[in-house]
Amino acid sequence: MLPIAVTMGEPAGIGGEIVLKAWLGRRAGIPPFYLIDDPDRLASLARQLDWSAPVCPIDTPDRALAVFGEGLPVKPIGVSIYGRPGCPDSADAPAILGAIRTAVCDVRAGKAAAVVTNPIHKDSLYRAGFGHPGHTEYLAELAGISERPVMMLVSPELRVVPVTIHLALRQAVERLCTAAIVHAGRVTAAALRQDFAIAAPILAVAGLNPHAGEAGALGREEIGIIEPAVAELLDAGIDVRGPHPADTMFHAEARRSYDAAVCMYHDQALIPIKTISFYDGVNTTLGLPFVRTSPDHGTAFAIAGSGVARADSLISALRLAATMAARRFATTPEPAPNEA
């Protein structure tokens, strides 16, 4: 068994306290994990909240398994932290990004099972010179992959994939293309088979316009962009259906007819899943050579440091990461013995 590497996220947000809460609930089937952060910061936070959560600094990930029952394992980030609850500081960018790099290095070196990332505050990172739209794109760079990874939001009731992600709505419409939809569909179908053990996944594709364009009367993107993508995915042997009007895709009966919904833009995907599963939704990145999940919420500056933040989504992210990693390890062929 390998532990899961958890990144610190934005230190001015709720990441530290939800990690402490997850560790306090470790007997409820939560897989062993360690946090990449400043041990003194976490110990101070636990004291402020009057939580009995000892912090155990560790040098290497394997030590996490030995100390997990006694205290929260924390691998020191090795740089100073400047932000305080509710007050982010762009000077923390090296620590935040360093934690992500360390987690990726650990999992790629076979020292951790998966990466779980705490929420980041993109504006603070942008002001510090961060050149990526978000976590997903940065992880792709760290993984050294040329193909764009795909973001999937997962809950017990629904899985959704936005084709365009962190773009203004006007830009999302302008950049929507057949190739992007096909890429999202291929990656999603492969992940459903590999990471979710769904042998024959069914994808439902949303239209872009009201009523899926009403045969061109309300927009021609369905005819010119989305329908060709559906045809190409069908030709590739993927069971894909649509384009469907987005306003009828997410009620309970409709959700039972597919395994994942492929949506055209960010809010078309995230509004339904956050309405249905606000507290336990999980963000996972498909198409990476390692498992990465994340809580499906932000930094919550308004309540940071108060101890009231719920850890449900982080706990779900840890459990899903462990399940996905176990499936990957189970299907990885054993290396061939060296010939004499």
Protein backbone atom coordinates (compact mmCIF):
# COMPACT_ATOMS: atom_id res chain seq x y z
CA MET A 1 0.00 0.00 0.00
CA LEU A 2 1.19 3.49 -0.86
CA PRO A 3 -0.06 6.69 0.79
CA ILE A 4 -1.79 9.49 -1.12
CA ALA A 5 0.07 12.79 -1.55
CA VAL A 6 -2.09 15.81 -0.63
CA THR A 7 -0.98 19.31 -1.64
CA MET A 8 -1.31 22.33 0.65
CA GLY A 9 -3.32 24.46 -1.80
CA GLU A 10 -3.86 28.12 -0.92
CA PRO A 11 -2.71 28.50 2.71
CA ALA A 12 -5.13 31.39 3.30
CA GLY A 13 -8.05 29.12 2.45
CA ILE A 14 -9.67 26.13 4.10
CA GLY A 15 -7.24 23.49 2.83
CA GLY A 16 -5.39 23.03 6.11
CA GLU A 17 -8.47 22.63 8.25
CA ILE A 18 -10.27 20.20 5.94
CA VAL A 19 -7.12 18.07 5.87
CA LEU A 20 -7.07 18.09 9.67
CA LYS A 21 -10.76 17.12 9.69
CA ALA A 22 -10.12 14.31 7.22
CA TRP A 23 -7.34 12.96 9.43
CA LEU A 24 -9.59 13.19 12.50
CA GLY A 25 -12.12 11.05 10.62
CA ARG A 26 -9.51 8.52 9.47
CA ARG A 27 -11.30 5.55 11.02
CA ALA A 28 -14.21 6.04 8.62
CA GLY A 29 -12.51 4.23 5.76
CA ILE A 30 -10.25 7.11 4.72
CA PRO A 31 -7.07 5.87 2.96
CA PRO A 32 -3.70 6.85 4.46
CA PHE A 33 -2.33 10.13 3.15
CA TYR A 34 0.28 12.76 3.87
CA LEU A 35 0.19 16.52 3.40
CA ILE A 36 2.90 18.59 1.71
CA ASP A 37 2.89 21.79 3.77
CA ASP A 38 4.56 23.54 6.69
CA PRO A 39 4.22 21.29 9.79
CA ASP A 40 4.37 24.28 12.17
CA ARG A 41 1.53 25.97 10.30
CA LEU A 42 -0.68 22.89 10.61
CA ALA A 43 0.16 22.39 14.28
CA SER A 44 -0.63 26.04 15.00
CA LEU A 45 -3.93 25.78 13.11
CA ALA A 46 -4.93 22.68 15.09
CA ARG A 47 -4.16 24.48 18.37
CA GLN A 48 -6.17 27.54 17.32
CA LEU A 49 -9.15 25.34 16.53
CA ASP A 50 -8.65 23.31 19.72
CA TRP A 51 -8.51 20.07 17.76
CA SER A 52 -6.60 17.07 19.05
CA ALA A 53 -4.66 16.46 15.85
CA PRO A 54 -0.92 15.91 16.40
CA VAL A 55 1.28 16.75 13.44
CA CYS A 56 4.07 14.32 12.52
CA PRO A 57 6.76 15.72 10.18
CA ILE A 58 8.04 13.08 7.78
CA ASP A 59 11.08 12.98 5.51
CA THR A 60 9.80 10.43 3.01
CA PRO A 61 6.31 9.30 1.93
CA ASP A 62 6.79 5.76 3.24
CA ARG A 63 6.91 7.15 6.79
CA ALA A 64 3.30 8.30 6.39
CA LEU A 65 1.98 4.78 6.75
CA ALA A 66 3.88 4.25 9.99
CA VAL A 67 2.70 7.44 11.71
CA PHE A 68 -0.78 7.90 10.18
CA GLY A 69 -2.51 6.38 13.19
CA GLU A 70 -0.68 8.69 15.61
CA GLY A 71 -0.80 12.04 13.84
CA LEU A 72 -1.19 13.87 10.55
CA PRO A 73 1.91 13.13 8.43
CA VAL A 74 3.29 16.35 6.93
CA LYS A 75 6.17 16.46 4.47
CA PRO A 76 7.76 19.92 4.94
CA ILE A 77 7.50 22.25 1.98
CA GLY A 78 10.71 23.97 3.04
CA VAL A 79 9.71 27.60 2.38
CA SER A 80 8.02 30.28 4.45
CA ILE A 81 4.25 30.82 4.39
CA TYR A 82 2.95 34.41 4.38
CA GLY A 83 -0.81 34.20 3.92
CA ARG A 84 -3.19 34.05 6.86
CA PRO A 85 -6.77 32.73 6.97
CA GLY A 86 -8.83 34.82 4.58
CA CYS A 87 -5.83 36.93 3.52
CA PRO A 88 -3.94 35.41 0.57
CA ASP A 89 -0.44 36.59 -0.30
CA SER A 90 1.05 36.13 -3.77
CA ALA A 91 4.41 35.52 -2.08
CA ASP A 92 3.08 32.04 -1.28
CA ALA A 93 3.12 31.02 -4.95
CA PRO A 94 6.49 29.17 -4.64
CA ALA A 95 5.13 27.10 -1.75
CA ILE A 96 1.82 26.33 -3.44
CA LEU A 97 3.38 25.33 -6.75
CA GLY A 98 6.24 23.56 -5.01
CA ALA A 99 3.78 21.35 -3.15
CA ILE A 100 2.14 20.36 -6.44
CA ARG A 101 5.51 19.57 -8.02
CA THR A 102 6.57 17.51 -5.01
CA ALA A 103 3.34 15.49 -5.06
CA VAL A 104 3.70 14.76 -8.77
CA CYS A 105 7.35 13.76 -8.30
CA ASP A 106 6.42 11.43 -5.44
CA VAL A 107 3.68 9.66 -7.35
CA ARG A 108 5.72 9.34 -10.53
CA ALA A 109 8.61 7.91 -8.51
CA GLY A 110 6.32 5.22 -7.13
CA LYS A 111 6.36 6.66 -3.61
CA ALA A 112 2.71 7.75 -3.53
CA ALA A 113 -0.43 6.17 -4.96
CA ALA A 114 -2.08 9.34 -6.24
CA VAL A 115 -2.19 13.12 -5.98
CA VAL A 116 -5.03 14.98 -4.24
CA THR A 117 -4.82 18.74 -4.63
CA ASN A 118 -6.32 21.27 -2.25
CA PRO A 119 -7.96 24.37 -3.80
CA ILE A 120 -5.74 27.14 -5.11
CA HIS A 121 -6.49 30.86 -5.54
CA LYS A 122 -5.72 31.53 -9.18
CA ASP A 123 -5.65 35.32 -8.91
CA SER A 124 -2.82 35.22 -6.36
CA LEU A 125 -0.86 32.85 -8.59
CA TYR A 126 -1.48 34.97 -11.69
CA ARG A 127 -0.13 38.03 -9.86
CA ALA A 128 2.99 36.01 -9.06
CA GLY A 129 3.51 35.17 -12.74
CA PHE A 130 1.76 31.77 -12.95
CA GLY A 131 1.25 31.11 -16.65
CA HIS A 132 -1.44 28.43 -16.63
CA PRO A 133 -5.24 28.81 -16.47
CA GLY A 134 -5.45 26.36 -13.56
CA HIS A 135 -4.41 23.10 -11.92
CA THR A 136 -5.31 20.93 -14.91
CA GLU A 137 -3.00 22.66 -17.35
CA TYR A 138 -0.13 22.87 -14.85
CA LEU A 139 -0.38 19.16 -14.10
CA ALA A 140 -0.19 18.41 -17.82
CA GLU A 141 3.07 20.33 -18.02
CA LEU A 142 4.48 18.50 -14.99
CA ALA A 143 3.43 15.19 -16.51
CA GLY A 144 5.19 16.05 -19.77
CA ILE A 145 2.21 15.19 -21.94
CA SER A 146 1.37 16.92 -25.20
CA GLU A 147 -2.35 16.10 -25.30
CA ARG A 148 -4.65 18.27 -23.25
CA PRO A 149 -5.96 16.43 -20.17
CA VAL A 150 -9.68 16.37 -19.52
CA MET A 151 -11.47 17.54 -16.37
CA MET A 152 -14.23 15.32 -14.99
CA LEU A 153 -16.43 16.18 -12.04
CA VAL A 154 -17.64 13.07 -10.22
CA SER A 155 -20.38 12.41 -7.67
CA PRO A 156 -22.40 9.33 -6.77
CA GLU A 157 -25.26 10.64 -8.95
CA LEU A 158 -23.51 12.23 -11.92
CA ARG A 159 -20.25 12.53 -13.90
CA VAL A 160 -19.71 15.56 -16.15
CA VAL A 161 -16.92 16.63 -18.50
CA PRO A 162 -16.66 20.21 -19.80
CA VAL A 163 -15.06 20.39 -23.26
CA THR A 164 -13.94 23.99 -22.73
CA ILE A 165 -12.90 24.84 -19.20
CA HIS A 166 -11.50 28.09 -17.84
CA LEU A 167 -12.57 30.49 -20.56
CA ALA A 168 -14.91 33.45 -20.73
CA LEU A 169 -18.22 32.29 -22.18
CA ARG A 170 -17.68 34.20 -25.44
CA GLN A 171 -14.26 32.57 -25.84
CA ALA A 172 -15.67 29.14 -25.02
CA VAL A 173 -18.17 29.42 -27.86
CA GLU A 174 -15.55 30.76 -30.26
CA ARG A 175 -13.07 27.96 -29.48
CA LEU A 176 -15.52 25.06 -29.44
CA CYS A 177 -14.59 22.67 -32.24
CA THR A 178 -15.24 19.13 -33.37
CA ALA A 179 -11.70 17.99 -32.53
CA ALA A 180 -12.00 19.16 -28.91
CA ILE A 181 -15.28 17.31 -28.42
CA VAL A 182 -13.84 14.14 -29.95
CA HIS A 183 -10.75 14.38 -27.73
CA ALA A 184 -12.89 14.82 -24.60
CA GLY A 185 -15.10 11.89 -25.59
CA ARG A 186 -12.19 9.54 -26.32
CA VAL A 187 -10.36 10.36 -23.08
CA THR A 188 -13.55 10.11 -21.04
CA ALA A 189 -14.54 6.73 -22.48
CA ALA A 190 -11.05 5.33 -21.84
CA ALA A 191 -11.05 6.62 -18.25
CA LEU A 192 -14.48 5.18 -17.54
CA ARG A 193 -13.17 1.79 -18.59
CA GLN A 194 -9.79 2.01 -16.83
CA ASP A 195 -10.52 4.00 -13.67
CA PHE A 196 -14.23 3.36 -13.08
CA ALA A 197 -14.47 -0.28 -14.25
CA ILE A 198 -17.29 0.45 -16.71
CA ALA A 199 -16.78 -2.05 -19.53
CA ALA A 200 -19.08 -0.38 -22.08
CA PRO A 201 -19.49 3.29 -21.13
CA ILE A 202 -22.29 5.42 -22.52
CA LEU A 203 -21.66 9.13 -23.13
CA ALA A 204 -24.38 11.75 -23.45
CA VAL A 205 -23.33 14.86 -25.38
CA ALA A 206 -25.00 18.18 -24.63
CA GLY A 207 -25.93 20.72 -27.24
CA LEU A 208 -24.63 24.26 -27.00
CA ASN A 209 -27.74 26.24 -27.81
CA PRO A 210 -31.23 26.16 -26.28
CA HIS A 211 -33.11 23.02 -27.38
CA ALA A 212 -29.85 21.79 -28.98
CA GLY A 213 -30.25 24.42 -31.68
CA GLU A 214 -33.78 23.47 -32.73
CA ALA A 215 -32.54 22.07 -36.08
CA GLY A 216 -30.56 25.24 -36.74
CA ALA A 217 -33.25 27.77 -35.83
CA LEU A 218 -31.50 28.67 -32.55
CA GLY A 219 -27.90 28.21 -33.68
CA ARG A 220 -25.95 25.98 -36.02
CA GLU A 221 -23.12 24.78 -33.74
CA GLU A 222 -24.94 21.48 -33.20
CA ILE A 223 -25.10 20.86 -36.96
CA GLY A 224 -21.65 22.13 -37.86
CA ILE A 225 -19.56 21.16 -34.82
CA ILE A 226 -21.23 18.79 -32.36
CA GLU A 227 -23.00 16.30 -34.65
CA PRO A 228 -19.79 15.61 -36.64
CA ALA A 229 -18.02 14.93 -33.32
CA VAL A 230 -20.72 12.47 -32.28
CA ALA A 231 -20.42 10.72 -35.64
CA GLU A 232 -16.63 10.46 -35.31
CA LEU A 233 -16.90 9.02 -31.80
CA LEU A 234 -19.47 6.49 -32.98
CA ASP A 235 -17.13 5.49 -35.80
CA ALA A 236 -14.44 4.92 -33.14
CA GLY A 237 -16.69 2.40 -31.40
CA ILE A 238 -17.76 4.64 -28.51
CA ASP A 239 -21.41 4.55 -27.43
CA VAL A 240 -22.23 8.24 -27.58
CA ARG A 241 -25.63 9.87 -27.85
CA GLY A 242 -26.73 13.40 -28.65
CA PRO A 243 -26.52 16.29 -28.95
CA HIS A 244 -29.21 16.59 -26.31
CA PRO A 245 -30.88 19.77 -25.03
CA ALA A 246 -28.92 20.56 -21.86
CA ASP A 247 -32.04 21.49 -19.91
CA THR A 248 -33.39 17.92 -20.06
CA MET A 249 -30.17 15.96 -19.46
CA PHE A 250 -29.77 16.12 -15.72
CA HIS A 251 -32.99 15.01 -14.05
CA ALA A 252 -32.85 11.66 -12.25
CA GLU A 253 -34.34 9.52 -15.02
CA ALA A 254 -32.09 11.04 -17.68
CA ARG A 255 -28.98 10.54 -15.56
CA ARG A 256 -29.65 6.80 -15.38
CA SER A 257 -29.30 6.54 -19.18
CA TYR A 258 -25.59 7.41 -19.41
CA ASP A 259 -22.29 7.12 -17.52
CA ALA A 260 -20.96 10.62 -18.18
CA ALA A 261 -22.26 13.83 -19.71
CA VAL A 262 -19.96 15.68 -22.13
CA CYS A 263 -20.80 19.37 -21.88
CA MET A 264 -19.74 22.26 -24.07
CA TYR A 265 -18.62 24.78 -21.46
CA HIS A 266 -17.71 25.11 -17.79
CA ASP A 267 -20.99 26.11 -16.18
CA GLN A 268 -23.09 23.79 -18.34
CA ALA A 269 -21.26 20.96 -16.58
CA LEU A 270 -20.61 22.37 -13.12
CA ILE A 271 -24.00 23.89 -12.31
CA PRO A 272 -25.88 20.55 -12.40
CA ILE A 273 -23.29 18.56 -10.48
CA LYS A 274 -22.82 21.23 -7.82
CA THR A 275 -26.60 21.49 -7.45
CA ILE A 276 -26.93 17.74 -7.03
CA SER A 277 -23.76 17.05 -5.00
CA PHE A 278 -22.43 20.33 -3.61
CA TYR A 279 -20.62 18.82 -0.63
CA ASP A 280 -19.24 15.54 -1.97
CA GLY A 281 -18.40 16.22 -5.62
CA VAL A 282 -14.84 15.46 -6.77
CA ASN A 283 -12.74 16.98 -9.53
CA THR A 284 -10.50 14.46 -11.30
CA THR A 285 -8.11 14.94 -14.21
CA LEU A 286 -8.32 12.35 -16.98
CA GLY A 287 -5.52 11.63 -19.41
CA LEU A 288 -2.61 11.98 -16.96
CA PRO A 289 -0.10 9.17 -16.34
CA PHE A 290 -1.08 9.28 -12.65
CA VAL A 291 -4.28 9.69 -10.65
CA ARG A 292 -5.21 13.20 -9.56
CA THR A 293 -8.37 14.23 -7.74
CA SER A 294 -9.40 17.36 -5.88
CA PRO A 295 -12.27 18.71 -3.80
CA ASP A 296 -14.93 20.27 -6.00
CA HIS A 297 -14.93 23.64 -4.23
CA GLY A 298 -12.77 26.70 -3.78
CA THR A 299 -10.69 28.29 -1.06
CA ALA A 300 -13.68 29.66 0.92
CA PHE A 301 -11.78 32.65 2.32
CA ALA A 302 -14.89 33.90 4.12
CA ILE A 303 -14.86 30.96 6.55
CA ALA A 304 -11.16 30.06 6.53
CA GLY A 305 -9.72 29.51 9.98
CA SER A 306 -13.11 29.19 11.67
CA GLY A 307 -13.22 25.39 11.68
CA VAL A 308 -16.69 25.22 10.10
CA ALA A 309 -15.59 24.12 6.61
CA ARG A 310 -16.84 20.66 5.69
CA ALA A 311 -14.31 18.03 4.62
CA ASP A 312 -16.83 15.88 2.70
CA SER A 313 -15.45 16.71 -0.75
CA LEU A 314 -11.82 16.17 0.30
CA ILE A 315 -12.73 12.84 1.88
CA SER A 316 -14.55 11.82 -1.31
CA ALA A 317 -11.49 12.90 -3.32
CA LEU A 318 -9.21 10.75 -1.16
CA ARG A 319 -11.48 7.72 -1.48
CA LEU A 320 -11.89 8.11 -5.24
CA ALA A 321 -8.13 8.57 -5.70
CA ALA A 322 -7.46 5.38 -3.76
CA THR A 323 -10.02 3.42 -5.80
CA MET A 324 -8.73 4.72 -9.13
CA ALA A 325 -5.11 4.05 -8.18
CA ALA A 326 -5.94 0.50 -7.05
CA ARG A 327 -7.60 -0.22 -10.40
CA ARG A 328 -4.59 1.10 -12.29
CA PHE A 329 -2.16 -0.93 -10.20
CA ALA A 330 -4.33 -4.03 -10.67
CA THR A 331 -4.23 -3.71 -14.46
CA THR A 332 -0.54 -2.76 -14.77
CA PRO A 333 1.38 -5.76 -16.14
CA GLU A 334 4.27 -7.05 -14.12
CA PRO A 335 7.65 -6.14 -15.62
CA ALA A 336 9.28 -8.94 -17.56
CA PRO A 337 12.18 -10.62 -15.73
CA ASN A 338 15.63 -9.68 -16.96
CA GLU A 339 17.10 -12.30 -19.23
CA ALA A 340 20.43 -13.77 -18.15
